[in-house]
Amino acid sequence: MIFAQSSSFDPIGPDELAMIGKAFQDELQTRALSRKSGEAEALAAKLINAYQPGIRDDLGLRIVAGLS
């Protein structure tokens, strides 16, 4: 039996990607991290994972970035 998987995936548009990118860059600068570090990769994943289910504002993303 094959089950259809319903998805509520909401693609990230250019404006949203810029907002996530700004939170990412600001936190990299605060922590003096290289973009190519494992910690930076984990931070990027955390920001995207926070955005997808509903944290969709600058402040919320900065808070998430600072908590990681």
N, C-alpha and C. Protein backbone atom coordinates (compact mmCIF):
# COMPACT_ATOMS: atom_id res chain seq x y z
N MET A 1 0.84 -1.16 0.00
CA MET A 1 0.00 0.00 0.00
C MET A 1 0.89 1.24 0.00
N ILE A 2 0.57 2.21 -0.84
CA ILE A 2 1.34 3.45 -0.95
C ILE A 2 0.52 4.57 -0.33
N PHE A 3 1.15 5.31 0.55
CA PHE A 3 0.50 6.43 1.20
C PHE A 3 1.03 7.73 0.59
N ALA A 4 0.13 8.61 0.27
CA ALA A 4 0.53 9.93 -0.20
C ALA A 4 0.89 10.77 1.02
N GLN A 5 2.01 11.38 0.95
CA GLN A 5 2.45 12.20 2.07
C GLN A 5 2.06 13.64 1.80
N SER A 6 1.20 14.17 2.64
CA SER A 6 0.84 15.57 2.47
C SER A 6 1.93 16.42 3.07
N SER A 7 2.21 17.49 2.41
CA SER A 7 3.29 18.36 2.88
C SER A 7 2.80 19.80 2.92
N SER A 8 3.14 20.47 3.98
CA SER A 8 2.80 21.88 4.07
C SER A 8 4.07 22.70 3.90
N PHE A 9 4.98 22.18 3.09
CA PHE A 9 6.26 22.84 2.86
C PHE A 9 6.02 24.20 2.22
N ASP A 10 6.53 25.22 2.84
CA ASP A 10 6.42 26.58 2.35
C ASP A 10 7.82 27.00 1.91
N PRO A 11 8.03 27.14 0.60
CA PRO A 11 9.38 27.47 0.14
C PRO A 11 9.87 28.80 0.71
N ILE A 12 11.16 28.89 0.87
CA ILE A 12 11.77 30.11 1.38
C ILE A 12 12.08 31.01 0.18
N GLY A 13 11.47 32.18 0.16
CA GLY A 13 11.67 33.12 -0.94
C GLY A 13 12.90 33.99 -0.71
N PRO A 14 13.22 34.83 -1.68
CA PRO A 14 14.42 35.67 -1.58
C PRO A 14 14.44 36.60 -0.37
N ASP A 15 13.31 37.21 -0.05
CA ASP A 15 13.28 38.11 1.11
C ASP A 15 13.47 37.36 2.41
N GLU A 16 12.85 36.20 2.49
CA GLU A 16 12.99 35.37 3.70
C GLU A 16 14.41 34.85 3.83
N LEU A 17 14.99 34.44 2.70
CA LEU A 17 16.36 33.94 2.72
C LEU A 17 17.33 35.04 3.16
N ALA A 18 17.08 36.27 2.71
CA ALA A 18 17.92 37.39 3.12
C ALA A 18 17.81 37.62 4.63
N MET A 19 16.59 37.49 5.17
CA MET A 19 16.39 37.68 6.61
C MET A 19 17.14 36.60 7.40
N ILE A 20 17.02 35.36 6.96
CA ILE A 20 17.72 34.25 7.62
C ILE A 20 19.23 34.47 7.49
N GLY A 21 19.67 34.88 6.31
CA GLY A 21 21.10 35.12 6.07
C GLY A 21 21.65 36.23 6.95
N LYS A 22 20.86 37.27 7.17
CA LYS A 22 21.32 38.36 8.04
C LYS A 22 21.49 37.89 9.47
N ALA A 23 20.52 37.13 9.98
CA ALA A 23 20.63 36.59 11.34
C ALA A 23 21.87 35.70 11.43
N PHE A 24 22.10 34.90 10.40
CA PHE A 24 23.26 34.00 10.35
C PHE A 24 24.57 34.80 10.37
N GLN A 25 24.67 35.79 9.46
CA GLN A 25 25.88 36.60 9.38
C GLN A 25 26.15 37.36 10.67
N ASP A 26 25.10 37.94 11.25
CA ASP A 26 25.27 38.69 12.50
C ASP A 26 25.80 37.79 13.60
N GLU A 27 25.28 36.58 13.69
CA GLU A 27 25.73 35.66 14.75
C GLU A 27 27.15 35.16 14.48
N LEU A 28 27.47 34.93 13.20
CA LEU A 28 28.86 34.54 12.88
C LEU A 28 29.83 35.63 13.31
N GLN A 29 29.46 36.87 13.05
CA GLN A 29 30.32 37.99 13.43
C GLN A 29 30.43 38.09 14.95
N THR A 30 29.31 37.95 15.65
CA THR A 30 29.31 38.03 17.11
C THR A 30 30.23 36.98 17.71
N ARG A 31 30.18 35.78 17.14
CA ARG A 31 30.98 34.66 17.68
C ARG A 31 32.36 34.54 17.04
N ALA A 32 32.65 35.37 16.05
CA ALA A 32 33.91 35.29 15.31
C ALA A 32 34.12 33.90 14.72
N LEU A 33 33.07 33.39 14.05
CA LEU A 33 33.13 32.07 13.45
C LEU A 33 33.37 32.15 11.95
N SER A 34 34.03 31.16 11.42
CA SER A 34 34.18 31.01 9.98
C SER A 34 32.90 30.41 9.41
N ARG A 35 32.51 30.84 8.22
CA ARG A 35 31.33 30.28 7.55
C ARG A 35 31.51 28.79 7.28
N LYS A 36 32.73 28.33 7.21
CA LYS A 36 33.00 26.94 6.85
C LYS A 36 33.19 26.04 8.05
N SER A 37 32.87 26.53 9.23
CA SER A 37 33.04 25.71 10.44
C SER A 37 31.81 24.83 10.66
N GLY A 38 31.99 23.79 11.40
CA GLY A 38 30.89 22.92 11.76
C GLY A 38 29.84 23.65 12.58
N GLU A 39 30.30 24.54 13.44
CA GLU A 39 29.37 25.33 14.26
C GLU A 39 28.51 26.25 13.39
N ALA A 40 29.10 26.80 12.34
CA ALA A 40 28.34 27.66 11.41
C ALA A 40 27.30 26.84 10.66
N GLU A 41 27.66 25.64 10.25
CA GLU A 41 26.70 24.76 9.57
C GLU A 41 25.54 24.42 10.48
N ALA A 42 25.84 24.13 11.73
CA ALA A 42 24.79 23.81 12.70
C ALA A 42 23.88 25.03 12.93
N LEU A 43 24.46 26.20 12.99
CA LEU A 43 23.69 27.43 13.16
C LEU A 43 22.76 27.65 11.97
N ALA A 44 23.27 27.48 10.76
CA ALA A 44 22.45 27.65 9.56
C ALA A 44 21.27 26.68 9.58
N ALA A 45 21.53 25.44 9.91
CA ALA A 45 20.45 24.44 9.97
C ALA A 45 19.42 24.81 11.03
N LYS A 46 19.90 25.29 12.16
CA LYS A 46 18.99 25.66 13.24
C LYS A 46 18.09 26.82 12.83
N LEU A 47 18.65 27.80 12.13
CA LEU A 47 17.85 28.94 11.68
C LEU A 47 16.79 28.52 10.66
N ILE A 48 17.17 27.68 9.73
CA ILE A 48 16.20 27.21 8.73
C ILE A 48 15.14 26.36 9.39
N ASN A 49 15.55 25.49 10.32
CA ASN A 49 14.58 24.65 11.03
C ASN A 49 13.64 25.48 11.90
N ALA A 50 14.10 26.60 12.40
CA ALA A 50 13.23 27.48 13.19
C ALA A 50 12.29 28.26 12.28
N TYR A 51 12.77 28.65 11.11
CA TYR A 51 11.95 29.43 10.18
C TYR A 51 10.78 28.60 9.63
N GLN A 52 11.06 27.39 9.21
CA GLN A 52 10.05 26.59 8.53
C GLN A 52 8.76 26.39 9.33
N PRO A 53 8.81 26.08 10.62
CA PRO A 53 7.55 25.90 11.34
C PRO A 53 6.90 27.19 11.85
N GLY A 54 7.59 28.35 11.69
CA GLY A 54 6.87 29.55 12.06
C GLY A 54 7.62 30.71 12.66
N ILE A 55 8.91 30.63 12.93
CA ILE A 55 9.62 31.81 13.44
C ILE A 55 10.03 32.62 12.22
N ARG A 56 9.24 33.64 11.92
CA ARG A 56 9.39 34.34 10.65
C ARG A 56 9.67 35.83 10.80
N ASP A 57 10.34 36.21 11.86
CA ASP A 57 10.67 37.62 12.03
C ASP A 57 12.13 37.75 12.47
N ASP A 58 12.68 38.93 12.23
CA ASP A 58 14.09 39.18 12.54
C ASP A 58 14.43 38.88 14.00
N LEU A 59 13.62 39.41 14.90
CA LEU A 59 13.89 39.24 16.32
C LEU A 59 13.88 37.77 16.72
N GLY A 60 12.88 37.04 16.28
CA GLY A 60 12.79 35.62 16.60
C GLY A 60 13.99 34.84 16.10
N LEU A 61 14.41 35.13 14.88
CA LEU A 61 15.57 34.44 14.33
C LEU A 61 16.86 34.82 15.05
N ARG A 62 16.99 36.08 15.44
CA ARG A 62 18.19 36.49 16.21
C ARG A 62 18.21 35.80 17.57
N ILE A 63 17.05 35.63 18.17
CA ILE A 63 16.98 34.93 19.46
C ILE A 63 17.40 33.48 19.29
N VAL A 64 16.87 32.82 18.28
CA VAL A 64 17.24 31.43 17.99
C VAL A 64 18.74 31.33 17.74
N ALA A 65 19.29 32.24 16.96
CA ALA A 65 20.72 32.22 16.64
C ALA A 65 21.55 32.36 17.91
N GLY A 66 21.14 33.24 18.80
CA GLY A 66 21.88 33.47 20.03
C GLY A 66 21.79 32.33 21.03
N LEU A 67 20.76 31.49 20.90
CA LEU A 67 20.58 30.38 21.83
C LEU A 67 21.37 29.15 21.44
N SER A 68 21.89 29.12 20.24
CA SER A 68 22.58 27.90 19.81
C SER A 68 24.01 27.88 20.26
